[in-house]
PDB file of N, CA and C in Angstrom:
ATOM      1  N   MET A   1      57.477  76.577  60.318  1.00  0.00           N
ATOM      2  CA  MET A   1      57.002  76.331  61.636  1.00  0.00           C
ATOM      3  C   MET A   1      57.294  77.654  62.393  1.00  0.00           C
ATOM      4  N   SER A   2      56.261  77.901  63.149  1.00  0.00           N
ATOM      5  CA  SER A   2      56.470  79.108  64.121  1.00  0.00           C
ATOM      6  C   SER A   2      56.388  78.819  65.512  1.00  0.00           C
ATOM      7  N   ILE A   3      57.069  79.426  66.317  1.00  0.00           N
ATOM      8  CA  ILE A   3      57.005  79.315  67.748  1.00  0.00           C
ATOM      9  C   ILE A   3      56.548  80.547  68.308  1.00  0.00           C
ATOM     10  N   LYS A   4      55.386  80.539  69.129  1.00  0.00           N
ATOM     11  CA  LYS A   4      54.873  81.556  69.816  1.00  0.00           C
ATOM     12  C   LYS A   4      55.992  82.200  70.806  1.00  0.00           C
ATOM     13  N   VAL A   5      55.998  83.446  70.977  1.00  0.00           N
ATOM     14  CA  VAL A   5      56.807  84.221  71.945  1.00  0.00           C
ATOM     15  C   VAL A   5      55.710  84.958  72.792  1.00  0.00           C
ATOM     16  N   GLU A   6      56.033  84.750  73.897  1.00  0.00           N
ATOM     17  CA  GLU A   6      55.090  85.531  74.972  1.00  0.00           C
ATOM     18  C   GLU A   6      55.459  87.070  74.894  1.00  0.00           C
ATOM     19  N   LEU A   7      54.307  87.869  75.180  1.00  0.00           N
ATOM     20  CA  LEU A   7      54.817  89.256  74.928  1.00  0.00           C
ATOM     21  C   LEU A   7      55.679  89.867  76.111  1.00  0.00           C
ATOM     22  N   ASP A   8      55.681  88.905  77.147  1.00  0.00           N
ATOM     23  CA  ASP A   8      56.595  89.219  78.274  1.00  0.00           C
ATOM     24  C   ASP A   8      58.090  89.106  77.971  1.00  0.00           C
ATOM     25  N   ASP A   9      58.070  88.157  76.967  1.00  0.00           N
ATOM     26  CA  ASP A   9      59.576  87.760  76.526  1.00  0.00           C
ATOM     27  C   ASP A   9      60.152  88.564  75.258  1.00  0.00           C
ATOM     28  N   VAL A  10      59.378  89.471  74.642  1.00  0.00           N
ATOM     29  CA  VAL A  10      59.787  90.077  73.571  1.00  0.00           C
ATOM     30  C   VAL A  10      60.995  90.924  73.673  1.00  0.00           C
ATOM     31  N   ALA A  11      60.919  91.567  74.597  1.00  0.00           N
ATOM     32  CA  ALA A  11      62.227  92.303  74.923  1.00  0.00           C
ATOM     33  C   ALA A  11      63.467  91.635  75.097  1.00  0.00           C
ATOM     34  N   ALA A  12      63.384  90.484  75.770  1.00  0.00           N
ATOM     35  CA  ALA A  12      64.590  89.602  75.911  1.00  0.00           C
ATOM     36  C   ALA A  12      65.236  89.040  74.663  1.00  0.00           C
ATOM     37  N   ARG A  13      63.900  88.726  73.722  1.00  0.00           N
ATOM     38  CA  ARG A  13      64.480  88.185  72.529  1.00  0.00           C
ATOM     39  C   ARG A  13      64.918  89.131  71.481  1.00  0.00           C
ATOM     40  N   ILE A  14      64.514  90.490  71.714  1.00  0.00           N
ATOM     41  CA  ILE A  14      65.091  91.482  70.817  1.00  0.00           C
ATOM     42  C   ILE A  14      66.453  91.737  71.421  1.00  0.00           C
ATOM     43  N   ALA A  15      66.757  91.678  72.596  1.00  0.00           N
ATOM     44  CA  ALA A  15      68.041  92.111  73.212  1.00  0.00           C
ATOM     45  C   ALA A  15      69.204  91.194  72.636  1.00  0.00           C
ATOM     46  N   ASN A  16      68.843  89.919  72.177  1.00  0.00           N
ATOM     47  CA  ASN A  16      69.866  88.992  71.613  1.00  0.00           C
ATOM     48  C   ASN A  16      69.773  89.119  70.301  1.00  0.00           C
ATOM     49  N   ARG A  17      69.238  89.973  69.363  1.00  0.00           N
ATOM     50  CA  ARG A  17      69.265  90.172  67.995  1.00  0.00           C
ATOM     51  C   ARG A  17      70.116  91.214  67.624  1.00  0.00           C
ATOM     52  N   GLU A  18      70.497  91.197  66.346  1.00  0.00           N
ATOM     53  CA  GLU A  18      71.270  92.255  65.785  1.00  0.00           C
ATOM     54  C   GLU A  18      70.382  93.669  65.983  1.00  0.00           C
ATOM     55  N   ALA A  19      71.191  94.798  65.899  1.00  0.00           N
ATOM     56  CA  ALA A  19      70.244  96.001  66.150  1.00  0.00           C
ATOM     57  C   ALA A  19      69.445  96.438  65.144  1.00  0.00           C
ATOM     58  N   THR A  20      69.660  95.933  63.897  1.00  0.00           N
ATOM     59  CA  THR A  20      68.889  96.333  62.858  1.00  0.00           C
ATOM     60  C   THR A  20      67.798  95.605  62.557  1.00  0.00           C
ATOM     61  N   ALA A  21      66.383  95.980  62.475  1.00  0.00           N
ATOM     62  CA  ALA A  21      65.400  95.304  62.209  1.00  0.00           C
ATOM     63  C   ALA A  21      64.684  95.958  60.822  1.00  0.00           C
ATOM     64  N   TYR A  22      63.573  95.249  60.461  1.00  0.00           N
ATOM     65  CA  TYR A  22      62.777  95.656  59.283  1.00  0.00           C
ATOM     66  C   TYR A  22      61.328  96.101  59.748  1.00  0.00           C
ATOM     67  N   LEU A  23      60.854  97.342  59.470  1.00  0.00           N
ATOM     68  CA  LEU A  23      59.612  97.652  60.031  1.00  0.00           C
ATOM     69  C   LEU A  23      58.457  97.701  58.626  1.00  0.00           C
ATOM     70  N   VAL A  24      57.649  96.907  58.752  1.00  0.00           N
ATOM     71  CA  VAL A  24      56.520  96.879  57.573  1.00  0.00           C
ATOM     72  C   VAL A  24      55.353  97.615  57.791  1.00  0.00           C
ATOM     73  N   THR A  25      54.948  98.552  57.044  1.00  0.00           N
ATOM     74  CA  THR A  25      53.751  99.358  57.223  1.00  0.00           C
ATOM     75  C   THR A  25      52.920  99.073  55.897  1.00  0.00           C
ATOM     76  N   MET A  26      51.632  99.211  56.098  1.00  0.00           N
ATOM     77  CA  MET A  26      50.761  99.219  54.854  1.00  0.00           C
ATOM     78  C   MET A  26      50.524 100.489  54.202  1.00  0.00           C
ATOM     79  N   GLY A  27      50.985 100.625  52.863  1.00  0.00           N
ATOM     80  CA  GLY A  27      50.432 101.713  52.228  1.00  0.00           C
ATOM     81  C   GLY A  27      49.131 101.575  51.558  1.00  0.00           C
ATOM     82  N   ARG A  28      48.968 102.445  50.673  1.00  0.00           N
ATOM     83  CA  ARG A  28      47.504 102.392  49.915  1.00  0.00           C
ATOM     84  C   ARG A  28      47.544 101.377  48.780  1.00  0.00           C
ATOM     85  N   GLU A  29      48.796 100.867  48.259  1.00  0.00           N
ATOM     86  CA  GLU A  29      48.865  99.879  47.264  1.00  0.00           C
ATOM     87  C   GLU A  29      49.454  98.726  47.632  1.00  0.00           C
ATOM     88  N   ARG A  30      50.591  98.974  48.418  1.00  0.00           N
ATOM     89  CA  ARG A  30      51.440  97.752  48.773  1.00  0.00           C
ATOM     90  C   ARG A  30      52.211  98.121  50.137  1.00  0.00           C
ATOM     91  N   PRO A  31      52.791  96.878  50.611  1.00  0.00           N
ATOM     92  CA  PRO A  31      53.553  97.234  51.876  1.00  0.00           C
ATOM     93  C   PRO A  31      54.624  98.012  51.674  1.00  0.00           C
ATOM     94  N   HIS A  32      55.061  98.710  52.877  1.00  0.00           N
ATOM     95  CA  HIS A  32      56.301  99.619  52.872  1.00  0.00           C
ATOM     96  C   HIS A  32      57.367  99.025  53.668  1.00  0.00           C
ATOM     97  N   VAL A  33      58.574  98.919  53.381  1.00  0.00           N
ATOM     98  CA  VAL A  33      59.525  98.320  54.247  1.00  0.00           C
ATOM     99  C   VAL A  33      60.732  99.322  54.624  1.00  0.00           C
ATOM    100  N   VAL A  34      61.018  99.338  55.665  1.00  0.00           N
ATOM    101  CA  VAL A  34      62.188 100.193  56.070  1.00  0.00           C
ATOM    102  C   VAL A  34      63.092  99.616  57.082  1.00  0.00           C
ATOM    103  N   SER A  35      64.458  99.874  57.053  1.00  0.00           N
ATOM    104  CA  SER A  35      65.300  99.372  58.011  1.00  0.00           C
ATOM    105  C   SER A  35      65.347 100.429  59.195  1.00  0.00           C
ATOM    106  N   VAL A  36      65.186  99.727  60.497  1.00  0.00           N
ATOM    107  CA  VAL A  36      65.195 100.537  61.759  1.00  0.00           C
ATOM    108  C   VAL A  36      66.195 100.156  62.771  1.00  0.00           C
ATOM    109  N   THR A  37      66.452 100.961  63.567  1.00  0.00           N
ATOM    110  CA  THR A  37      67.343 100.532  64.915  1.00  0.00           C
ATOM    111  C   THR A  37      66.257 100.698  66.165  1.00  0.00           C
ATOM    112  N   PRO A  38      65.636  99.700  66.437  1.00  0.00           N
ATOM    113  CA  PRO A  38      64.694  99.691  67.519  1.00  0.00           C
ATOM    114  C   PRO A  38      65.171  99.862  68.903  1.00  0.00           C
ATOM    115  N   ALA A  39      64.516 100.650  69.763  1.00  0.00           N
ATOM    116  CA  ALA A  39      64.811 100.740  71.318  1.00  0.00           C
ATOM    117  C   ALA A  39      63.632 100.272  71.893  1.00  0.00           C
ATOM    118  N   VAL A  40      64.003  99.474  72.853  1.00  0.00           N
ATOM    119  CA  VAL A  40      62.939  98.632  73.564  1.00  0.00           C
ATOM    120  C   VAL A  40      62.745  99.486  74.845  1.00  0.00           C
ATOM    121  N   GLY A  41      61.349  99.794  75.243  1.00  0.00           N
ATOM    122  CA  GLY A  41      60.962 100.472  76.345  1.00  0.00           C
ATOM    123  C   GLY A  41      60.169  99.615  77.337  1.00  0.00           C
ATOM    124  N   ASP A  42      59.436 100.140  78.100  1.00  0.00           N
ATOM    125  CA  ASP A  42      58.677  99.260  79.072  1.00  0.00           C
ATOM    126  C   ASP A  42      57.324  98.681  78.423  1.00  0.00           C
ATOM    127  N   GLY A  43      57.496  97.699  77.513  1.00  0.00           N
ATOM    128  CA  GLY A  43      56.473  97.025  76.902  1.00  0.00           C
ATOM    129  C   GLY A  43      56.021  97.674  75.552  1.00  0.00           C
ATOM    130  N   THR A  44      56.992  98.518  75.078  1.00  0.00           N
ATOM    131  CA  THR A  44      56.964  99.155  73.845  1.00  0.00           C
ATOM    132  C   THR A  44      58.169  98.887  73.035  1.00  0.00           C
ATOM    133  N   ILE A  45      58.230  99.421  71.925  1.00  0.00           N
ATOM    134  CA  ILE A  45      59.262  99.462  70.902  1.00  0.00           C
ATOM    135  C   ILE A  45      59.263 100.715  70.105  1.00  0.00           C
ATOM    136  N   VAL A  46      60.424 101.505  70.254  1.00  0.00           N
ATOM    137  CA  VAL A  46      60.448 103.050  69.630  1.00  0.00           C
ATOM    138  C   VAL A  46      61.266 102.906  68.269  1.00  0.00           C
ATOM    139  N   VAL A  47      60.806 103.211  67.196  1.00  0.00           N
ATOM    140  CA  VAL A  47      61.668 103.437  66.003  1.00  0.00           C
ATOM    141  C   VAL A  47      61.558 104.779  65.379  1.00  0.00           C
ATOM    142  N   GLY A  48      62.573 105.050  64.469  1.00  0.00           N
ATOM    143  CA  GLY A  48      62.466 106.308  63.787  1.00  0.00           C
ATOM    144  C   GLY A  48      61.566 105.999  62.654  1.00  0.00           C
ATOM    145  N   ALA A  49      61.118 107.177  62.124  1.00  0.00           N
ATOM    146  CA  ALA A  49      60.123 107.148  60.983  1.00  0.00           C
ATOM    147  C   ALA A  49      60.266 108.225  60.107  1.00  0.00           C
ATOM    148  N   GLY A  50      60.067 107.996  58.911  1.00  0.00           N
ATOM    149  CA  GLY A  50      60.118 108.954  57.750  1.00  0.00           C
ATOM    150  C   GLY A  50      58.655 109.266  57.471  1.00  0.00           C
ATOM    151  N   ARG A  51      58.600 110.282  56.608  1.00  0.00           N
ATOM    152  CA  ARG A  51      57.299 110.786  56.256  1.00  0.00           C
ATOM    153  C   ARG A  51      56.306 109.622  55.586  1.00  0.00           C
ATOM    154  N   LYS A  52      56.747 108.877  54.684  1.00  0.00           N
ATOM    155  CA  LYS A  52      55.853 107.875  54.264  1.00  0.00           C
ATOM    156  C   LYS A  52      55.368 106.789  55.387  1.00  0.00           C
ATOM    157  N   THR A  53      56.219 106.373  56.121  1.00  0.00           N
ATOM    158  CA  THR A  53      55.836 105.624  57.163  1.00  0.00           C
ATOM    159  C   THR A  53      55.033 106.241  58.081  1.00  0.00           C
ATOM    160  N   VAL A  54      55.030 107.384  58.497  1.00  0.00           N
ATOM    161  CA  VAL A  54      54.274 108.223  59.360  1.00  0.00           C
ATOM    162  C   VAL A  54      52.832 108.110  58.626  1.00  0.00           C
ATOM    163  N   ALA A  55      52.749 108.428  57.416  1.00  0.00           N
ATOM    164  CA  ALA A  55      51.457 108.613  56.799  1.00  0.00           C
ATOM    165  C   ALA A  55      50.717 107.147  56.612  1.00  0.00           C
ATOM    166  N   ASN A  56      51.711 106.203  56.490  1.00  0.00           N
ATOM    167  CA  ASN A  56      50.969 104.753  56.311  1.00  0.00           C
ATOM    168  C   ASN A  56      50.413 104.403  57.897  1.00  0.00           C
ATOM    169  N   VAL A  57      51.277 104.798  58.668  1.00  0.00           N
ATOM    170  CA  VAL A  57      50.633 104.474  60.182  1.00  0.00           C
ATOM    171  C   VAL A  57      49.379 105.086  60.466  1.00  0.00           C
ATOM    172  N   ALA A  58      49.309 106.434  59.902  1.00  0.00           N
ATOM    173  CA  ALA A  58      48.014 107.257  60.284  1.00  0.00           C
ATOM    174  C   ALA A  58      47.002 106.653  59.693  1.00  0.00           C
ATOM    175  N   ASP A  59      47.013 105.937  58.479  1.00  0.00           N
ATOM    176  CA  ASP A  59      45.931 105.178  57.986  1.00  0.00           C
ATOM    177  C   ASP A  59      45.773 103.798  58.194  1.00  0.00           C
ATOM    178  N   HIS A  60      46.962 103.026  58.427  1.00  0.00           N
ATOM    179  CA  HIS A  60      46.847 101.712  59.001  1.00  0.00           C
ATOM    180  C   HIS A  60      47.997 101.550  60.153  1.00  0.00           C
ATOM    181  N   PRO A  61      47.293 101.456  61.567  1.00  0.00           N
ATOM    182  CA  PRO A  61      48.399 101.555  62.682  1.00  0.00           C
ATOM    183  C   PRO A  61      48.985 100.223  62.861  1.00  0.00           C
ATOM    184  N   GLU A  62      48.433  99.078  62.169  1.00  0.00           N
ATOM    185  CA  GLU A  62      49.029  97.653  62.553  1.00  0.00           C
ATOM    186  C   GLU A  62      50.332  97.535  61.560  1.00  0.00           C
ATOM    187  N   VAL A  63      51.433  97.330  62.415  1.00  0.00           N
ATOM    188  CA  VAL A  63      52.715  97.035  61.742  1.00  0.00           C
ATOM    189  C   VAL A  63      53.358  95.845  62.172  1.00  0.00           C
ATOM    190  N   THR A  64      54.351  95.584  61.321  1.00  0.00           N
ATOM    191  CA  THR A  64      55.265  94.122  61.835  1.00  0.00           C
ATOM    192  C   THR A  64      56.646  94.576  61.692  1.00  0.00           C
ATOM    193  N   LEU A  65      57.403  94.188  62.728  1.00  0.00           N
ATOM    194  CA  LEU A  65      58.841  94.395  62.927  1.00  0.00           C
ATOM    195  C   LEU A  65      59.560  93.088  62.544  1.00  0.00           C
ATOM    196  N   LEU A  66      60.449  92.951  61.844  1.00  0.00           N
ATOM    197  CA  LEU A  66      61.146  91.627  61.570  1.00  0.00           C
ATOM    198  C   LEU A  66      62.625  91.898  61.949  1.00  0.00           C
ATOM    199  N   TRP A  67      63.156  90.757  62.501  1.00  0.00           N
ATOM    200  CA  TRP A  67      64.555  90.646  62.722  1.00  0.00           C
ATOM    201  C   TRP A  67      64.845  89.373  61.944  1.00  0.00           C
ATOM    202  N   PRO A  68      65.680  89.573  60.881  1.00  0.00           N
ATOM    203  CA  PRO A  68      66.013  88.212  60.239  1.00  0.00           C
ATOM    204  C   PRO A  68      67.032  87.223  61.140  1.00  0.00           C
ATOM    205  N   THR A  69      67.246  86.092  60.738  1.00  0.00           N
ATOM    206  CA  THR A  69      68.036  85.110  61.215  1.00  0.00           C
ATOM    207  C   THR A  69      69.409  85.906  61.557  1.00  0.00           C
ATOM    208  N   ASP A  70      70.197  85.380  62.520  1.00  0.00           N
ATOM    209  CA  ASP A  70      71.331  86.125  62.811  1.00  0.00           C
ATOM    210  C   ASP A  70      72.419  85.232  63.572  1.00  0.00           C
ATOM    211  N   ALA A  71      73.548  85.660  63.933  1.00  0.00           N
ATOM    212  CA  ALA A  71      74.309  84.593  64.735  1.00  0.00           C
ATOM    213  C   ALA A  71      73.844  84.238  65.980  1.00  0.00           C
ATOM    214  N   SER A  72      72.817  84.877  66.757  1.00  0.00           N
ATOM    215  CA  SER A  72      72.245  84.422  67.891  1.00  0.00           C
ATOM    216  C   SER A  72      71.213  83.297  67.597  1.00  0.00           C
ATOM    217  N   ASP A  73      70.734  83.338  66.409  1.00  0.00           N
ATOM    218  CA  ASP A  73      69.505  82.297  66.017  1.00  0.00           C
ATOM    219  C   ASP A  73      69.733  82.197  64.618  1.00  0.00           C
ATOM    220  N   ALA A  74      70.317  81.183  64.068  1.00  0.00           N
ATOM    221  CA  ALA A  74      70.427  81.075  62.473  1.00  0.00           C
ATOM    222  C   ALA A  74      69.337  80.263  61.809  1.00  0.00           C
ATOM    223  N   LYS A  75      68.334  79.710  62.575  1.00  0.00           N
ATOM    224  CA  LYS A  75      67.286  78.983  62.220  1.00  0.00           C
ATOM    225  C   LYS A  75      66.051  79.807  62.312  1.00  0.00           C
ATOM    226  N   HIS A  76      65.775  80.929  63.048  1.00  0.00           N
ATOM    227  CA  HIS A  76      64.570  81.514  63.274  1.00  0.00           C
ATOM    228  C   HIS A  76      64.645  83.187  62.960  1.00  0.00           C
ATOM    229  N   SER A  77      63.644  83.575  62.339  1.00  0.00           N
ATOM    230  CA  SER A  77      63.507  84.959  62.313  1.00  0.00           C
ATOM    231  C   SER A  77      62.489  85.542  63.418  1.00  0.00           C
ATOM    232  N   LEU A  78      62.728  86.682  63.950  1.00  0.00           N
ATOM    233  CA  LEU A  78      61.836  87.183  64.901  1.00  0.00           C
ATOM    234  C   LEU A  78      60.795  88.197  64.399  1.00  0.00           C
ATOM    235  N   LEU A  79      59.586  87.978  64.225  1.00  0.00           N
ATOM    236  CA  LEU A  79      58.427  88.718  63.888  1.00  0.00           C
ATOM    237  C   LEU A  79      57.594  89.181  65.093  1.00  0.00           C
ATOM    238  N   VAL A  80      57.524  90.559  65.164  1.00  0.00           N
ATOM    239  CA  VAL A  80      56.593  91.174  66.174  1.00  0.00           C
ATOM    240  C   VAL A  80      55.529  92.033  65.679  1.00  0.00           C
ATOM    241  N   ASP A  81      54.239  91.730  65.713  1.00  0.00           N
ATOM    242  CA  ASP A  81      53.212  92.458  65.247  1.00  0.00           C
ATOM    243  C   ASP A  81      52.858  93.305  66.276  1.00  0.00           C
ATOM    244  N   GLY A  82      52.411  94.663  65.970  1.00  0.00           N
ATOM    245  CA  GLY A  82      51.891  95.653  66.976  1.00  0.00           C
ATOM    246  C   GLY A  82      51.009  96.731  66.347  1.00  0.00           C
ATOM    247  N   THR A  83      50.585  97.633  67.219  1.00  0.00           N
ATOM    248  CA  THR A  83      50.115  98.843  66.795  1.00  0.00           C
ATOM    249  C   THR A  83      50.770  99.945  67.150  1.00  0.00           C
ATOM    250  N   ALA A  84      50.948 100.752  65.989  1.00  0.00           N
ATOM    251  CA  ALA A  84      51.895 101.971  66.300  1.00  0.00           C
ATOM    252  C   ALA A  84      51.148 103.260  66.393  1.00  0.00           C
ATOM    253  N   THR A  85      51.914 104.120  67.208  1.00  0.00           N
ATOM    254  CA  THR A  85      51.393 105.513  67.153  1.00  0.00           C
ATOM    255  C   THR A  85      52.504 106.477  66.836  1.00  0.00           C
ATOM    256  N   VAL A  86      52.169 107.626  66.311  1.00  0.00           N
ATOM    257  CA  VAL A  86      53.344 108.487  65.923  1.00  0.00           C
ATOM    258  C   VAL A  86      53.614 109.490  67.027  1.00  0.00           C
ATOM    259  N   THR A  87      54.791 109.563  67.333  1.00  0.00           N
ATOM    260  CA  THR A  87      55.225 110.448  68.605  1.00  0.00           C
ATOM    261  C   THR A  87      56.295 111.319  68.031  1.00  0.00           C
ATOM    262  N   ASP A  88      56.676 112.176  69.074  1.00  0.00           N
ATOM    263  CA  ASP A  88      57.914 113.076  68.783  1.00  0.00           C
ATOM    264  C   ASP A  88      57.870 113.923  67.432  1.00  0.00           C
ATOM    265  N   ALA A  89      56.742 114.685  67.311  1.00  0.00           N
ATOM    266  CA  ALA A  89      56.443 115.539  66.214  1.00  0.00           C
ATOM    267  C   ALA A  89      56.687 114.692  64.987  1.00  0.00           C
ATOM    268  N   GLY A  90      56.091 113.522  65.007  1.00  0.00           N
ATOM    269  CA  GLY A  90      56.292 112.907  63.796  1.00  0.00           C
ATOM    270  C   GLY A  90      57.452 111.992  63.313  1.00  0.00           C
ATOM    271  N   GLU A  91      58.587 112.076  64.143  1.00  0.00           N
ATOM    272  CA  GLU A  91      59.881 111.667  63.932  1.00  0.00           C
ATOM    273  C   GLU A  91      59.968 110.258  64.418  1.00  0.00           C
ATOM    274  N   THR A  92      59.131 109.662  65.250  1.00  0.00           N
ATOM    275  CA  THR A  92      59.239 108.317  65.661  1.00  0.00           C
ATOM    276  C   THR A  92      58.137 107.547  65.902  1.00  0.00           C
ATOM    277  N   LEU A  93      57.983 106.369  66.114  1.00  0.00           N
ATOM    278  CA  LEU A  93      56.916 105.423  66.271  1.00  0.00           C
ATOM    279  C   LEU A  93      57.062 104.729  67.493  1.00  0.00           C
ATOM    280  N   THR A  94      55.970 104.671  68.337  1.00  0.00           N
ATOM    281  CA  THR A  94      56.059 103.711  69.367  1.00  0.00           C
ATOM    282  C   THR A  94      55.037 102.653  69.028  1.00  0.00           C
ATOM    283  N   VAL A  95      55.626 101.347  68.995  1.00  0.00           N
ATOM    284  CA  VAL A  95      54.943 100.129  68.638  1.00  0.00           C
ATOM    285  C   VAL A  95      54.512  99.393  69.942  1.00  0.00           C
ATOM    286  N   PHE A  96      53.218  99.228  70.094  1.00  0.00           N
ATOM    287  CA  PHE A  96      52.774  98.287  71.051  1.00  0.00           C
ATOM    288  C   PHE A  96      52.602  96.801  70.662  1.00  0.00           C
ATOM    289  N   PRO A  97      53.376  96.015  71.033  1.00  0.00           N
ATOM    290  CA  PRO A  97      53.479  94.778  70.591  1.00  0.00           C
ATOM    291  C   PRO A  97      52.223  93.988  70.941  1.00  0.00           C
ATOM    292  N   THR A  98      51.342  93.217  69.894  1.00  0.00           N
ATOM    293  CA  THR A  98      50.436  92.443  70.082  1.00  0.00           C
ATOM    294  C   THR A  98      50.619  90.982  69.995  1.00  0.00           C
ATOM    295  N   SER A  99      51.693  90.554  69.285  1.00  0.00           N
ATOM    296  CA  SER A  99      51.751  89.281  69.255  1.00  0.00           C
ATOM    297  C   SER A  99      53.151  89.003  68.570  1.00  0.00           C
ATOM    298  N   ALA A 100      54.010  87.804  68.738  1.00  0.00           N
ATOM    299  CA  ALA A 100      55.338  87.703  68.500  1.00  0.00           C
ATOM    300  C   ALA A 100      55.522  86.263  68.052  1.00  0.00           C
ATOM    301  N   ILE A 101      56.099  86.050  67.081  1.00  0.00           N
ATOM    302  CA  ILE A 101      56.805  84.507  66.825  1.00  0.00           C
ATOM    303  C   ILE A 101      58.136  84.437  66.332  1.00  0.00           C
ATOM    304  N   LEU A 102      58.884  83.408  66.590  1.00  0.00           N
ATOM    305  CA  LEU A 102      60.062  82.944  65.872  1.00  0.00           C
ATOM    306  C   LEU A 102      59.621  82.259  64.632  1.00  0.00           C
ATOM    307  N   HIS A 103      59.885  82.579  63.617  1.00  0.00           N
ATOM    308  CA  HIS A 103      59.568  81.830  62.376  1.00  0.00           C
ATOM    309  C   HIS A 103      60.736  80.946  61.849  1.00  0.00           C
ATOM    310  N   ARG A 104      60.750  79.835  61.473  1.00  0.00           N
ATOM    311  CA  ARG A 104      61.686  79.004  61.158  1.00  0.00           C
ATOM    312  C   ARG A 104      61.882  79.070  59.694  1.00  0.00           C
ATOM    313  N   VAL A 105      63.334  79.355  59.427  1.00  0.00           N
ATOM    314  CA  VAL A 105      63.691  79.527  57.956  1.00  0.00           C
ATOM    315  C   VAL A 105      63.422  78.255  57.271  1.00  0.00           C
ATOM    316  N   ARG A 106      62.707  78.041  56.162  1.00  0.00           N
ATOM    317  CA  ARG A 106      62.479  76.762  55.409  1.00  0.00           C
ATOM    318  C   ARG A 106      63.733  76.180  54.984  1.00  0.00           C
ATOM    319  N   PRO A 107      64.045  74.974  55.291  1.00  0.00           N
ATOM    320  CA  PRO A 107      65.250  74.413  54.721  1.00  0.00           C
ATOM    321  C   PRO A 107      65.393  74.408  53.323  1.00  0.00           C
ATOM    322  N   GLY A 108      66.454  74.536  52.744  1.00  0.00           N
ATOM    323  CA  GLY A 108      66.634  74.668  51.377  1.00  0.00           C
ATOM    324  C   GLY A 108      66.173  75.759  50.569  1.00  0.00           C
ATOM    325  N   SER A 109      65.676  77.068  51.315  1.00  0.00           N
ATOM    326  CA  SER A 109      65.088  78.126  50.632  1.00  0.00           C
ATOM    327  C   SER A 109      66.132  79.113  50.294  1.00  0.00           C
ATOM    328  N   GLY A 110      67.423  79.039  50.828  1.00  0.00           N
ATOM    329  CA  GLY A 110      68.276  80.149  50.619  1.00  0.00           C
ATOM    330  C   GLY A 110      69.237  79.883  49.289  1.00  0.00           C
ATOM    331  N   ALA A 111      70.303  80.552  49.271  1.00  0.00           N
ATOM    332  CA  ALA A 111      71.144  80.379  48.053  1.00  0.00           C
ATOM    333  C   ALA A 111      71.588  79.158  47.950  1.00  0.00           C
ATOM    334  N   GLU A 112      72.000  78.323  48.861  1.00  0.00           N
ATOM    335  CA  GLU A 112      72.434  77.072  48.784  1.00  0.00           C
ATOM    336  C   GLU A 112      71.533  76.000  48.230  1.00  0.00           C
ATOM    337  N   ALA A 113      70.384  76.470  48.111  1.00  0.00           N
ATOM    338  CA  ALA A 113      69.339  75.572  47.272  1.00  0.00           C
ATOM    339  C   ALA A 113      69.393  75.419  45.714  1.00  0.00           C
ATOM    340  N   GLY A 114      70.216  76.518  45.098  1.00  0.00           N
ATOM    341  CA  GLY A 114      70.365  76.501  43.849  1.00  0.00           C
ATOM    342  C   GLY A 114      69.195  77.112  43.045  1.00  0.00           C
ATOM    343  N   PRO A 115      69.102  77.230  41.792  1.00  0.00           N
ATOM    344  CA  PRO A 115      68.200  77.943  41.005  1.00  0.00           C
ATOM    345  C   PRO A 115      66.995  77.045  41.123  1.00  0.00           C
ATOM    346  N   ALA A 116      65.782  77.802  40.866  1.00  0.00           N
ATOM    347  CA  ALA A 116      64.568  77.000  40.769  1.00  0.00           C
ATOM    348  C   ALA A 116      64.371  76.205  39.581  1.00  0.00           C
ATOM    349  N   CYS A 117      63.591  75.217  39.467  1.00  0.00           N
ATOM    350  CA  CYS A 117      63.417  74.473  38.322  1.00  0.00           C
ATOM    351  C   CYS A 117      62.461  75.084  37.204  1.00  0.00           C
TER     352      CYS A 117
END
């Protein structure tokens, strides 16, 4: 189950999360995932970026940031979709959020569920 997060509330939701998030970009053949430490600006999210991430954003500017469940919310991950632009001589990305959700972890989907049948 997903709960919509209004764009005006994204910064507050991020502030309550752990500092590390995961940035998902789309490569030529598959998604590329890296851990990042986002900084929230005025309606934007800024993250560091390596060469592969920068190249992916040049081809596909749509990205997703994922904050897994943590102590502040053990039931929901925070997902923020947005459009990224490369800034600061190719070393950072500025993400302009377009939508956000709190995504509920499926009960019984973790290690406590045991091995699959």
